[in-house]
Amino acid sequence: MANAVRGFESRLKMISKERARLADGYVSKVGKDGLIVFRPKSRSGGFPIKGLALLVIGFFVFKGLILAHLGEGTFEARLATLSQGSVVEQSGAWIMQADPVSQAIAQQVRPFVK
């Protein structure tokens, strides 16, 4: 009788683990025998490259819009002022300096900004 109880408890434990895995999402599939089988969805825990790419593109568009709105002279003057500040301000000035991508975006957007 003790073996039967142990076997039953181990089956219950296995079912509980499987249900916990299925709680995060599952995919159902009908087998050749007509039995519906549920499998947990695979989770890829990789780095979100698409999100990073959108962030970088958004930053270049932001710089292009600022450059188009202020104009190159005012933009460079403000960067020069910023580069005279603290280390954080100097790094901000280095990041915000005009580059070919943001200049191209500024040229395309300039007629619509002013």
PDB file of N, CA and C in Angstrom:
ATOM      1  N   MET A   1       0.822  -1.194   0.000  1.00  0.00           N
ATOM      2  CA  MET A   1       0.000   0.000   0.000  1.00  0.00           C
ATOM      3  C   MET A   1       0.865   1.256   0.000  1.00  0.00           C
ATOM      4  N   ALA A   2       2.007   1.229   0.711  1.00  0.00           N
ATOM      5  CA  ALA A   2       2.885   2.387   0.776  1.00  0.00           C
ATOM      6  C   ALA A   2       3.483   2.690  -0.595  1.00  0.00           C
ATOM      7  N   ASN A   3       3.808   1.667  -1.388  1.00  0.00           N
ATOM      8  CA  ASN A   3       4.329   1.875  -2.745  1.00  0.00           C
ATOM      9  C   ASN A   3       3.285   2.515  -3.642  1.00  0.00           C
ATOM     10  N   ALA A   4       2.032   2.123  -3.475  1.00  0.00           N
ATOM     11  CA  ALA A   4       0.951   2.689  -4.287  1.00  0.00           C
ATOM     12  C   ALA A   4       0.778   4.165  -3.984  1.00  0.00           C
ATOM     13  N   VAL A   5       0.874   4.516  -2.702  1.00  0.00           N
ATOM     14  CA  VAL A   5       0.735   5.930  -2.309  1.00  0.00           C
ATOM     15  C   VAL A   5       1.914   6.737  -2.843  1.00  0.00           C
ATOM     16  N   ARG A   6       3.125   6.170  -2.742  1.00  0.00           N
ATOM     17  CA  ARG A   6       4.305   6.869  -3.265  1.00  0.00           C
ATOM     18  C   ARG A   6       4.211   7.065  -4.770  1.00  0.00           C
ATOM     19  N   GLY A   7       3.772   6.044  -5.467  1.00  0.00           N
ATOM     20  CA  GLY A   7       3.601   6.155  -6.917  1.00  0.00           C
ATOM     21  C   GLY A   7       2.572   7.209  -7.279  1.00  0.00           C
ATOM     22  N   PHE A   8       1.482   7.246  -6.528  1.00  0.00           N
ATOM     23  CA  PHE A   8       0.428   8.227  -6.768  1.00  0.00           C
ATOM     24  C   PHE A   8       0.940   9.643  -6.521  1.00  0.00           C
ATOM     25  N   GLU A   9       1.688   9.823  -5.431  1.00  0.00           N
ATOM     26  CA  GLU A   9       2.231  11.141  -5.109  1.00  0.00           C
ATOM     27  C   GLU A   9       3.247  11.594  -6.157  1.00  0.00           C
ATOM     28  N   SER A  10       4.040  10.689  -6.667  1.00  0.00           N
ATOM     29  CA  SER A  10       5.011  11.066  -7.702  1.00  0.00           C
ATOM     30  C   SER A  10       4.298  11.453  -9.001  1.00  0.00           C
ATOM     31  N   ARG A  11       3.207  10.747  -9.338  1.00  0.00           N
ATOM     32  CA  ARG A  11       2.440  11.129 -10.518  1.00  0.00           C
ATOM     33  C   ARG A  11       1.790  12.494 -10.336  1.00  0.00           C
ATOM     34  N   LEU A  12       1.283  12.761  -9.134  1.00  0.00           N
ATOM     35  CA  LEU A  12       0.692  14.076  -8.852  1.00  0.00           C
ATOM     36  C   LEU A  12       1.740  15.182  -8.968  1.00  0.00           C
ATOM     37  N   LYS A  13       2.935  14.926  -8.477  1.00  0.00           N
ATOM     38  CA  LYS A  13       4.018  15.901  -8.556  1.00  0.00           C
ATOM     39  C   LYS A  13       4.381  16.175 -10.010  1.00  0.00           C
ATOM     40  N   MET A  14       4.443  15.119 -10.825  1.00  0.00           N
ATOM     41  CA  MET A  14       4.766  15.273 -12.236  1.00  0.00           C
ATOM     42  C   MET A  14       3.681  16.081 -12.966  1.00  0.00           C
ATOM     43  N   ILE A  15       2.423  15.807 -12.645  1.00  0.00           N
ATOM     44  CA  ILE A  15       1.310  16.546 -13.257  1.00  0.00           C
ATOM     45  C   ILE A  15       1.364  18.010 -12.838  1.00  0.00           C
ATOM     46  N   SER A  16       1.679  18.296 -11.591  1.00  0.00           N
ATOM     47  CA  SER A  16       1.767  19.681 -11.111  1.00  0.00           C
ATOM     48  C   SER A  16       2.875  20.443 -11.831  1.00  0.00           C
ATOM     49  N   LYS A  17       4.024  19.790 -12.021  1.00  0.00           N
ATOM     50  CA  LYS A  17       5.117  20.442 -12.748  1.00  0.00           C
ATOM     51  C   LYS A  17       4.716  20.739 -14.184  1.00  0.00           C
ATOM     52  N   GLU A  18       4.072  19.778 -14.835  1.00  0.00           N
ATOM     53  CA  GLU A  18       3.655  19.977 -16.228  1.00  0.00           C
ATOM     54  C   GLU A  18       2.632  21.105 -16.338  1.00  0.00           C
ATOM     55  N   ARG A  19       1.692  21.166 -15.409  1.00  0.00           N
ATOM     56  CA  ARG A  19       0.694  22.245 -15.424  1.00  0.00           C
ATOM     57  C   ARG A  19       1.350  23.612 -15.195  1.00  0.00           C
ATOM     58  N   ALA A  20       2.348  23.652 -14.332  1.00  0.00           N
ATOM     59  CA  ALA A  20       3.055  24.911 -14.085  1.00  0.00           C
ATOM     60  C   ALA A  20       3.783  25.369 -15.350  1.00  0.00           C
ATOM     61  N   ARG A  21       4.371  24.435 -16.079  1.00  0.00           N
ATOM     62  CA  ARG A  21       5.055  24.791 -17.328  1.00  0.00           C
ATOM     63  C   ARG A  21       4.050  25.255 -18.385  1.00  0.00           C
ATOM     64  N   LEU A  22       2.873  24.632 -18.423  1.00  0.00           N
ATOM     65  CA  LEU A  22       1.860  25.008 -19.403  1.00  0.00           C
ATOM     66  C   LEU A  22       1.180  26.335 -19.051  1.00  0.00           C
ATOM     67  N   ALA A  23       1.282  26.769 -17.804  1.00  0.00           N
ATOM     68  CA  ALA A  23       0.638  28.021 -17.382  1.00  0.00           C
ATOM     69  C   ALA A  23       1.247  29.231 -18.082  1.00  0.00           C
ATOM     70  N   ASP A  24       2.487  29.140 -18.538  1.00  0.00           N
ATOM     71  CA  ASP A  24       3.138  30.247 -19.232  1.00  0.00           C
ATOM     72  C   ASP A  24       2.799  30.300 -20.718  1.00  0.00           C
ATOM     73  N   GLY A  25       1.975  29.401 -21.182  1.00  0.00           N
ATOM     74  CA  GLY A  25       1.587  29.362 -22.582  1.00  0.00           C
ATOM     75  C   GLY A  25       1.876  27.993 -23.163  1.00  0.00           C
ATOM     76  N   TYR A  26       1.048  27.591 -24.105  1.00  0.00           N
ATOM     77  CA  TYR A  26       1.222  26.261 -24.672  1.00  0.00           C
ATOM     78  C   TYR A  26       0.788  26.249 -26.135  1.00  0.00           C
ATOM     79  N   VAL A  27       1.199  25.201 -26.815  1.00  0.00           N
ATOM     80  CA  VAL A  27       0.832  24.958 -28.207  1.00  0.00           C
ATOM     81  C   VAL A  27       0.175  23.588 -28.238  1.00  0.00           C
ATOM     82  N   SER A  28      -0.988  23.512 -28.865  1.00  0.00           N
ATOM     83  CA  SER A  28      -1.667  22.226 -28.962  1.00  0.00           C
ATOM     84  C   SER A  28      -1.469  21.655 -30.365  1.00  0.00           C
ATOM     85  N   LYS A  29      -1.359  20.335 -30.423  1.00  0.00           N
ATOM     86  CA  LYS A  29      -1.121  19.652 -31.687  1.00  0.00           C
ATOM     87  C   LYS A  29      -1.875  18.331 -31.663  1.00  0.00           C
ATOM     88  N   VAL A  30      -2.489  17.998 -32.769  1.00  0.00           N
ATOM     89  CA  VAL A  30      -3.191  16.730 -32.874  1.00  0.00           C
ATOM     90  C   VAL A  30      -2.247  15.717 -33.502  1.00  0.00           C
ATOM     91  N   GLY A  31      -2.015  14.623 -32.795  1.00  0.00           N
ATOM     92  CA  GLY A  31      -1.117  13.589 -33.289  1.00  0.00           C
ATOM     93  C   GLY A  31      -1.781  12.715 -34.338  1.00  0.00           C
ATOM     94  N   LYS A  32      -1.025  11.783 -34.914  1.00  0.00           N
ATOM     95  CA  LYS A  32      -1.556  10.868 -35.929  1.00  0.00           C
ATOM     96  C   LYS A  32      -2.645   9.966 -35.370  1.00  0.00           C
ATOM     97  N   ASP A  33      -2.578   9.714 -34.071  1.00  0.00           N
ATOM     98  CA  ASP A  33      -3.576   8.855 -33.448  1.00  0.00           C
ATOM     99  C   ASP A  33      -4.823   9.621 -33.021  1.00  0.00           C
ATOM    100  N   GLY A  34      -4.871  10.938 -33.286  1.00  0.00           N
ATOM    101  CA  GLY A  34      -6.023  11.749 -32.937  1.00  0.00           C
ATOM    102  C   GLY A  34      -5.966  12.323 -31.539  1.00  0.00           C
ATOM    103  N   LEU A  35      -4.903  12.070 -30.824  1.00  0.00           N
ATOM    104  CA  LEU A  35      -4.746  12.562 -29.462  1.00  0.00           C
ATOM    105  C   LEU A  35      -4.228  14.004 -29.500  1.00  0.00           C
ATOM    106  N   ILE A  36      -4.852  14.872 -28.729  1.00  0.00           N
ATOM    107  CA  ILE A  36      -4.414  16.266 -28.645  1.00  0.00           C
ATOM    108  C   ILE A  36      -3.342  16.356 -27.567  1.00  0.00           C
ATOM    109  N   VAL A  37      -2.172  16.857 -27.972  1.00  0.00           N
ATOM    110  CA  VAL A  37      -1.038  16.962 -27.058  1.00  0.00           C
ATOM    111  C   VAL A  37      -0.711  18.437 -26.871  1.00  0.00           C
ATOM    112  N   PHE A  38      -0.525  18.846 -25.627  1.00  0.00           N
ATOM    113  CA  PHE A  38      -0.184  20.223 -25.303  1.00  0.00           C
ATOM    114  C   PHE A  38       1.281  20.278 -24.901  1.00  0.00           C
ATOM    115  N   ARG A  39       2.024  21.177 -25.528  1.00  0.00           N
ATOM    116  CA  ARG A  39       3.440  21.379 -25.233  1.00  0.00           C
ATOM    117  C   ARG A  39       3.646  22.835 -24.806  1.00  0.00           C
ATOM    118  N   PRO A  40       4.528  23.070 -23.851  1.00  0.00           N
ATOM    119  CA  PRO A  40       4.810  24.463 -23.453  1.00  0.00           C
ATOM    120  C   PRO A  40       5.446  25.238 -24.603  1.00  0.00           C
ATOM    121  N   LYS A  41       5.092  26.522 -24.701  1.00  0.00           N
ATOM    122  CA  LYS A  41       5.714  27.379 -25.713  1.00  0.00           C
ATOM    123  C   LYS A  41       7.172  27.583 -25.361  1.00  0.00           C
ATOM    124  N   SER A  42       8.005  27.553 -26.373  1.00  0.00           N
ATOM    125  CA  SER A  42       9.421  27.803 -26.124  1.00  0.00           C
ATOM    126  C   SER A  42       9.640  29.304 -25.995  1.00  0.00           C
ATOM    127  N   ARG A  43      10.385  29.667 -25.024  1.00  0.00           N
ATOM    128  CA  ARG A  43      10.685  31.074 -24.773  1.00  0.00           C
ATOM    129  C   ARG A  43      12.128  31.338 -25.162  1.00  0.00           C
ATOM    130  N   SER A  44      12.307  32.254 -26.086  1.00  0.00           N
ATOM    131  CA  SER A  44      13.674  32.630 -26.431  1.00  0.00           C
ATOM    132  C   SER A  44      14.047  33.835 -25.573  1.00  0.00           C
ATOM    133  N   GLY A  45      15.069  33.702 -24.808  1.00  0.00           N
ATOM    134  CA  GLY A  45      15.489  34.761 -23.896  1.00  0.00           C
ATOM    135  C   GLY A  45      16.630  35.573 -24.468  1.00  0.00           C
ATOM    136  N   GLY A  46      16.669  35.715 -25.790  1.00  0.00           N
ATOM    137  CA  GLY A  46      17.758  36.433 -26.413  1.00  0.00           C
ATOM    138  C   GLY A  46      17.652  37.931 -26.242  1.00  0.00           C
ATOM    139  N   PHE A  47      18.670  38.611 -26.697  1.00  0.00           N
ATOM    140  CA  PHE A  47      18.733  40.066 -26.623  1.00  0.00           C
ATOM    141  C   PHE A  47      17.812  40.661 -27.685  1.00  0.00           C
ATOM    142  N   PRO A  48      16.997  41.663 -27.350  1.00  0.00           N
ATOM    143  CA  PRO A  48      16.057  42.236 -28.315  1.00  0.00           C
ATOM    144  C   PRO A  48      16.766  43.165 -29.316  1.00  0.00           C
ATOM    145  N   ILE A  49      17.301  42.587 -30.368  1.00  0.00           N
ATOM    146  CA  ILE A  49      18.049  43.352 -31.364  1.00  0.00           C
ATOM    147  C   ILE A  49      17.127  44.337 -32.091  1.00  0.00           C
ATOM    148  N   LYS A  50      15.908  43.919 -32.353  1.00  0.00           N
ATOM    149  CA  LYS A  50      14.955  44.795 -33.044  1.00  0.00           C
ATOM    150  C   LYS A  50      14.675  46.055 -32.217  1.00  0.00           C
ATOM    151  N   GLY A  51      14.515  45.894 -30.929  1.00  0.00           N
ATOM    152  CA  GLY A  51      14.281  47.047 -30.054  1.00  0.00           C
ATOM    153  C   GLY A  51      15.479  47.978 -30.004  1.00  0.00           C
ATOM    154  N   LEU A  52      16.669  47.399 -29.971  1.00  0.00           N
ATOM    155  CA  LEU A  52      17.882  48.210 -29.966  1.00  0.00           C
ATOM    156  C   LEU A  52      18.023  48.980 -31.279  1.00  0.00           C
ATOM    157  N   ALA A  53      17.710  48.325 -32.391  1.00  0.00           N
ATOM    158  CA  ALA A  53      17.784  48.994 -33.693  1.00  0.00           C
ATOM    159  C   ALA A  53      16.787  50.149 -33.769  1.00  0.00           C
ATOM    160  N   LEU A  54      15.579  49.949 -33.270  1.00  0.00           N
ATOM    161  CA  LEU A  54      14.593  51.028 -33.260  1.00  0.00           C
ATOM    162  C   LEU A  54      15.033  52.185 -32.369  1.00  0.00           C
ATOM    163  N   LEU A  55      15.679  51.874 -31.265  1.00  0.00           N
ATOM    164  CA  LEU A  55      16.184  52.913 -30.373  1.00  0.00           C
ATOM    165  C   LEU A  55      17.260  53.749 -31.054  1.00  0.00           C
ATOM    166  N   VAL A  56      18.181  53.099 -31.751  1.00  0.00           N
ATOM    167  CA  VAL A  56      19.258  53.808 -32.447  1.00  0.00           C
ATOM    168  C   VAL A  56      18.686  54.656 -33.583  1.00  0.00           C
ATOM    169  N   ILE A  57      17.762  54.098 -34.354  1.00  0.00           N
ATOM    170  CA  ILE A  57      17.143  54.853 -35.452  1.00  0.00           C
ATOM    171  C   ILE A  57      16.385  56.055 -34.900  1.00  0.00           C
ATOM    172  N   GLY A  58      15.656  55.847 -33.803  1.00  0.00           N
ATOM    173  CA  GLY A  58      14.929  56.951 -33.180  1.00  0.00           C
ATOM    174  C   GLY A  58      15.864  58.048 -32.695  1.00  0.00           C
ATOM    175  N   PHE A  59      17.026  57.667 -32.175  1.00  0.00           N
ATOM    176  CA  PHE A  59      17.990  58.659 -31.721  1.00  0.00           C
ATOM    177  C   PHE A  59      18.522  59.491 -32.880  1.00  0.00           C
ATOM    178  N   PHE A  60      18.841  58.832 -34.017  1.00  0.00           N
ATOM    179  CA  PHE A  60      19.319  59.574 -35.184  1.00  0.00           C
ATOM    180  C   PHE A  60      18.235  60.507 -35.725  1.00  0.00           C
ATOM    181  N   VAL A  61      16.982  60.063 -35.717  1.00  0.00           N
ATOM    182  CA  VAL A  61      15.882  60.928 -36.164  1.00  0.00           C
ATOM    183  C   VAL A  61      15.733  62.113 -35.213  1.00  0.00           C
ATOM    184  N   PHE A  62      15.864  61.868 -33.930  1.00  0.00           N
ATOM    185  CA  PHE A  62      15.795  62.944 -32.944  1.00  0.00           C
ATOM    186  C   PHE A  62      16.887  63.982 -33.188  1.00  0.00           C
ATOM    187  N   LYS A  63      18.126  63.508 -33.396  1.00  0.00           N
ATOM    188  CA  LYS A  63      19.227  64.433 -33.672  1.00  0.00           C
ATOM    189  C   LYS A  63      18.982  65.194 -34.965  1.00  0.00           C
ATOM    190  N   GLY A  64      18.454  64.510 -35.980  1.00  0.00           N
ATOM    191  CA  GLY A  64      18.171  65.177 -37.249  1.00  0.00           C
ATOM    192  C   GLY A  64      17.112  66.249 -37.099  1.00  0.00           C
ATOM    193  N   LEU A  65      16.079  65.969 -36.309  1.00  0.00           N
ATOM    194  CA  LEU A  65      15.030  66.963 -36.087  1.00  0.00           C
ATOM    195  C   LEU A  65      15.566  68.184 -35.341  1.00  0.00           C
ATOM    196  N   ILE A  66      16.387  67.960 -34.328  1.00  0.00           N
ATOM    197  CA  ILE A  66      16.975  69.087 -33.592  1.00  0.00           C
ATOM    198  C   ILE A  66      17.880  69.901 -34.512  1.00  0.00           C
ATOM    199  N   LEU A  67      18.664  69.211 -35.298  1.00  0.00           N
ATOM    200  CA  LEU A  67      19.572  69.902 -36.222  1.00  0.00           C
ATOM    201  C   LEU A  67      18.792  70.704 -37.251  1.00  0.00           C
ATOM    202  N   ALA A  68      17.691  70.159 -37.749  1.00  0.00           N
ATOM    203  CA  ALA A  68      16.869  70.880 -38.729  1.00  0.00           C
ATOM    204  C   ALA A  68      16.181  72.076 -38.083  1.00  0.00           C
ATOM    205  N   HIS A  69      15.737  71.909 -36.858  1.00  0.00           N
ATOM    206  CA  HIS A  69      15.022  72.996 -36.194  1.00  0.00           C
ATOM    207  C   HIS A  69      15.942  74.152 -35.803  1.00  0.00           C
ATOM    208  N   LEU A  70      17.106  73.845 -35.247  1.00  0.00           N
ATOM    209  CA  LEU A  70      18.005  74.891 -34.777  1.00  0.00           C
ATOM    210  C   LEU A  70      18.869  75.478 -35.881  1.00  0.00           C
ATOM    211  N   GLY A  71      19.207  74.668 -36.857  1.00  0.00           N
ATOM    212  CA  GLY A  71      20.171  75.098 -37.863  1.00  0.00           C
ATOM    213  C   GLY A  71      21.568  74.698 -37.420  1.00  0.00           C
ATOM    214  N   GLU A  72      22.469  74.562 -38.400  1.00  0.00           N
ATOM    215  CA  GLU A  72      23.802  74.056 -38.075  1.00  0.00           C
ATOM    216  C   GLU A  72      24.592  74.990 -37.177  1.00  0.00           C
ATOM    217  N   GLY A  73      24.507  76.281 -37.408  1.00  0.00           N
ATOM    218  CA  GLY A  73      25.281  77.239 -36.611  1.00  0.00           C
ATOM    219  C   GLY A  73      24.885  77.225 -35.145  1.00  0.00           C
ATOM    220  N   THR A  74      23.603  77.330 -34.868  1.00  0.00           N
ATOM    221  CA  THR A  74      23.113  77.326 -33.494  1.00  0.00           C
ATOM    222  C   THR A  74      23.388  75.981 -32.825  1.00  0.00           C
ATOM    223  N   PHE A  75      23.208  74.905 -33.590  1.00  0.00           N
ATOM    224  CA  PHE A  75      23.449  73.564 -33.053  1.00  0.00           C
ATOM    225  C   PHE A  75      24.901  73.401 -32.630  1.00  0.00           C
ATOM    226  N   GLU A  76      25.830  73.832 -33.486  1.00  0.00           N
ATOM    227  CA  GLU A  76      27.262  73.724 -33.162  1.00  0.00           C
ATOM    228  C   GLU A  76      27.633  74.636 -32.002  1.00  0.00           C
ATOM    229  N   ALA A  77      27.015  75.823 -31.917  1.00  0.00           N
ATOM    230  CA  ALA A  77      27.302  76.731 -30.802  1.00  0.00           C
ATOM    231  C   ALA A  77      26.855  76.120 -29.476  1.00  0.00           C
ATOM    232  N   ARG A  78      25.697  75.497 -29.485  1.00  0.00           N
ATOM    233  CA  ARG A  78      25.211  74.865 -28.254  1.00  0.00           C
ATOM    234  C   ARG A  78      26.064  73.661 -27.876  1.00  0.00           C
ATOM    235  N   LEU A  79      26.543  72.931 -28.867  1.00  0.00           N
ATOM    236  CA  LEU A  79      27.432  71.808 -28.577  1.00  0.00           C
ATOM    237  C   LEU A  79      28.763  72.298 -28.003  1.00  0.00           C
ATOM    238  N   ALA A  80      29.247  73.430 -28.506  1.00  0.00           N
ATOM    239  CA  ALA A  80      30.492  73.992 -27.976  1.00  0.00           C
ATOM    240  C   ALA A  80      30.316  74.407 -26.521  1.00  0.00           C
ATOM    241  N   THR A  81      29.179  75.001 -26.206  1.00  0.00           N
ATOM    242  CA  THR A  81      28.892  75.376 -24.822  1.00  0.00           C
ATOM    243  C   THR A  81      28.786  74.132 -23.943  1.00  0.00           C
ATOM    244  N   LEU A  82      28.139  73.115 -24.472  1.00  0.00           N
ATOM    245  CA  LEU A  82      27.955  71.877 -23.719  1.00  0.00           C
ATOM    246  C   LEU A  82      29.277  71.164 -23.476  1.00  0.00           C
ATOM    247  N   SER A  83      30.190  71.270 -24.421  1.00  0.00           N
ATOM    248  CA  SER A  83      31.472  70.572 -24.275  1.00  0.00           C
ATOM    249  C   SER A  83      32.383  71.237 -23.236  1.00  0.00           C
ATOM    250  N   GLN A  84      32.036  72.423 -22.761  1.00  0.00           N
ATOM    251  CA  GLN A  84      32.820  73.100 -21.729  1.00  0.00           C
ATOM    252  C   GLN A  84      32.370  72.728 -20.319  1.00  0.00           C
ATOM    253  N   GLY A  85      31.332  71.915 -20.202  1.00  0.00           N
ATOM    254  CA  GLY A  85      30.766  71.577 -18.894  1.00  0.00           C
ATOM    255  C   GLY A  85      31.437  70.379 -18.243  1.00  0.00           C
ATOM    256  N   SER A  86      30.661  69.698 -17.424  1.00  0.00           N
ATOM    257  CA  SER A  86      31.166  68.541 -16.672  1.00  0.00           C
ATOM    258  C   SER A  86      31.403  67.357 -17.608  1.00  0.00           C
ATOM    259  N   VAL A  87      31.854  66.263 -17.042  1.00  0.00           N
ATOM    260  CA  VAL A  87      32.156  65.067 -17.834  1.00  0.00           C
ATOM    261  C   VAL A  87      30.888  64.532 -18.491  1.00  0.00           C
ATOM    262  N   VAL A  88      29.783  64.580 -17.785  1.00  0.00           N
ATOM    263  CA  VAL A  88      28.518  64.106 -18.340  1.00  0.00           C
ATOM    264  C   VAL A  88      28.098  64.990 -19.513  1.00  0.00           C
ATOM    265  N   GLU A  89      28.237  66.300 -19.353  1.00  0.00           N
ATOM    266  CA  GLU A  89      27.892  67.224 -20.437  1.00  0.00           C
ATOM    267  C   GLU A  89      28.822  67.056 -21.624  1.00  0.00           C
ATOM    268  N   GLN A  90      30.094  66.808 -21.359  1.00  0.00           N
ATOM    269  CA  GLN A  90      31.046  66.586 -22.451  1.00  0.00           C
ATOM    270  C   GLN A  90      30.707  65.306 -23.217  1.00  0.00           C
ATOM    271  N   SER A  91      30.318  64.264 -22.499  1.00  0.00           N
ATOM    272  CA  SER A  91      29.933  63.032 -23.198  1.00  0.00           C
ATOM    273  C   SER A  91      28.644  63.242 -23.978  1.00  0.00           C
ATOM    274  N   GLY A  92      27.730  64.047 -23.451  1.00  0.00           N
ATOM    275  CA  GLY A  92      26.509  64.383 -24.191  1.00  0.00           C
ATOM    276  C   GLY A  92      26.815  65.164 -25.451  1.00  0.00           C
ATOM    277  N   ALA A  93      27.764  66.078 -25.371  1.00  0.00           N
ATOM    278  CA  ALA A  93      28.172  66.845 -26.548  1.00  0.00           C
ATOM    279  C   ALA A  93      28.812  65.936 -27.587  1.00  0.00           C
ATOM    280  N   TRP A  94      29.597  64.967 -27.138  1.00  0.00           N
ATOM    281  CA  TRP A  94      30.235  64.036 -28.077  1.00  0.00           C
ATOM    282  C   TRP A  94      29.185  63.170 -28.769  1.00  0.00           C
ATOM    283  N   ILE A  95      28.181  62.713 -28.012  1.00  0.00           N
ATOM    284  CA  ILE A  95      27.126  61.880 -28.597  1.00  0.00           C
ATOM    285  C   ILE A  95      26.260  62.684 -29.552  1.00  0.00           C
ATOM    286  N   MET A  96      25.994  63.949 -29.211  1.00  0.00           N
ATOM    287  CA  MET A  96      25.083  64.764 -30.012  1.00  0.00           C
ATOM    288  C   MET A  96      25.750  65.462 -31.195  1.00  0.00           C
ATOM    289  N   GLN A  97      27.053  65.304 -31.377  1.00  0.00           N
ATOM    290  CA  GLN A  97      27.694  65.988 -32.501  1.00  0.00           C
ATOM    291  C   GLN A  97      27.096  65.507 -33.826  1.00  0.00           C
ATOM    292  N   ALA A  98      27.065  66.402 -34.780  1.00  0.00           N
ATOM    293  CA  ALA A  98      26.444  66.117 -36.070  1.00  0.00           C
ATOM    294  C   ALA A  98      27.224  65.033 -36.802  1.00  0.00           C
ATOM    295  N   ASP A  99      26.490  64.086 -37.350  1.00  0.00           N
ATOM    296  CA  ASP A  99      27.087  63.013 -38.127  1.00  0.00           C
ATOM    297  C   ASP A  99      26.369  62.959 -39.479  1.00  0.00           C
ATOM    298  N   PRO A 100      26.893  62.237 -40.441  1.00  0.00           N
ATOM    299  CA  PRO A 100      26.285  62.218 -41.773  1.00  0.00           C
ATOM    300  C   PRO A 100      24.828  61.737 -41.777  1.00  0.00           C
ATOM    301  N   VAL A 101      24.493  60.800 -40.916  1.00  0.00           N
ATOM    302  CA  VAL A 101      23.117  60.290 -40.897  1.00  0.00           C
ATOM    303  C   VAL A 101      22.160  61.366 -40.411  1.00  0.00           C
ATOM    304  N   SER A 102      22.484  62.014 -39.300  1.00  0.00           N
ATOM    305  CA  SER A 102      21.590  63.047 -38.777  1.00  0.00           C
ATOM    306  C   SER A 102      21.554  64.270 -39.687  1.00  0.00           C
ATOM    307  N   GLN A 103      22.654  64.577 -40.368  1.00  0.00           N
ATOM    308  CA  GLN A 103      22.645  65.688 -41.324  1.00  0.00           C
ATOM    309  C   GLN A 103      21.746  65.370 -42.519  1.00  0.00           C
ATOM    310  N   ALA A 104      21.776  64.129 -42.987  1.00  0.00           N
ATOM    311  CA  ALA A 104      20.907  63.738 -44.101  1.00  0.00           C
ATOM    312  C   ALA A 104      19.438  63.797 -43.694  1.00  0.00           C
ATOM    313  N   ILE A 105      19.146  63.359 -42.479  1.00  0.00           N
ATOM    314  CA  ILE A 105      17.771  63.435 -41.982  1.00  0.00           C
ATOM    315  C   ILE A 105      17.343  64.885 -41.839  1.00  0.00           C
ATOM    316  N   ALA A 106      18.242  65.738 -41.364  1.00  0.00           N
ATOM    317  CA  ALA A 106      17.929  67.160 -41.203  1.00  0.00           C
ATOM    318  C   ALA A 106      17.643  67.816 -42.560  1.00  0.00           C
ATOM    319  N   GLN A 107      18.392  67.453 -43.585  1.00  0.00           N
ATOM    320  CA  GLN A 107      18.152  68.013 -44.918  1.00  0.00           C
ATOM    321  C   GLN A 107      16.790  67.591 -45.456  1.00  0.00           C
ATOM    322  N   GLN A 108      16.388  66.357 -45.174  1.00  0.00           N
ATOM    323  CA  GLN A 108      15.100  65.884 -45.653  1.00  0.00           C
ATOM    324  C   GLN A 108      13.941  66.499 -44.890  1.00  0.00           C
ATOM    325  N   VAL A 109      14.139  66.801 -43.618  1.00  0.00           N
ATOM    326  CA  VAL A 109      13.057  67.269 -42.761  1.00  0.00           C
ATOM    327  C   VAL A 109      12.976  68.789 -42.707  1.00  0.00           C
ATOM    328  N   ARG A 110      14.073  69.473 -43.036  1.00  0.00           N
ATOM    329  CA  ARG A 110      14.164  70.932 -42.879  1.00  0.00           C
ATOM    330  C   ARG A 110      12.968  71.689 -43.503  1.00  0.00           C
ATOM    331  N   PRO A 111      12.486  71.352 -44.702  1.00  0.00           N
ATOM    332  CA  PRO A 111      11.351  72.103 -45.250  1.00  0.00           C
ATOM    333  C   PRO A 111      10.078  71.998 -44.416  1.00  0.00           C
ATOM    334  N   PHE A 112       9.929  70.945 -43.636  1.00  0.00           N
ATOM    335  CA  PHE A 112       8.714  70.737 -42.871  1.00  0.00           C
ATOM    336  C   PHE A 112       8.792  71.263 -41.450  1.00  0.00           C
ATOM    337  N   VAL A 113       9.997  71.513 -40.951  1.00  0.00           N
ATOM    338  CA  VAL A 113      10.178  71.883 -39.552  1.00  0.00           C
ATOM    339  C   VAL A 113       9.883  73.353 -39.317  1.00  0.00           C
ATOM    340  N   LYS A 114      10.362  74.206 -40.164  1.00  0.00           N
ATOM    341  CA  LYS A 114      10.203  75.646 -39.910  1.00  0.00           C
ATOM    342  C   LYS A 114       8.911  76.112 -40.420  1.00  0.00           C
TER     343      LYS A 114
END
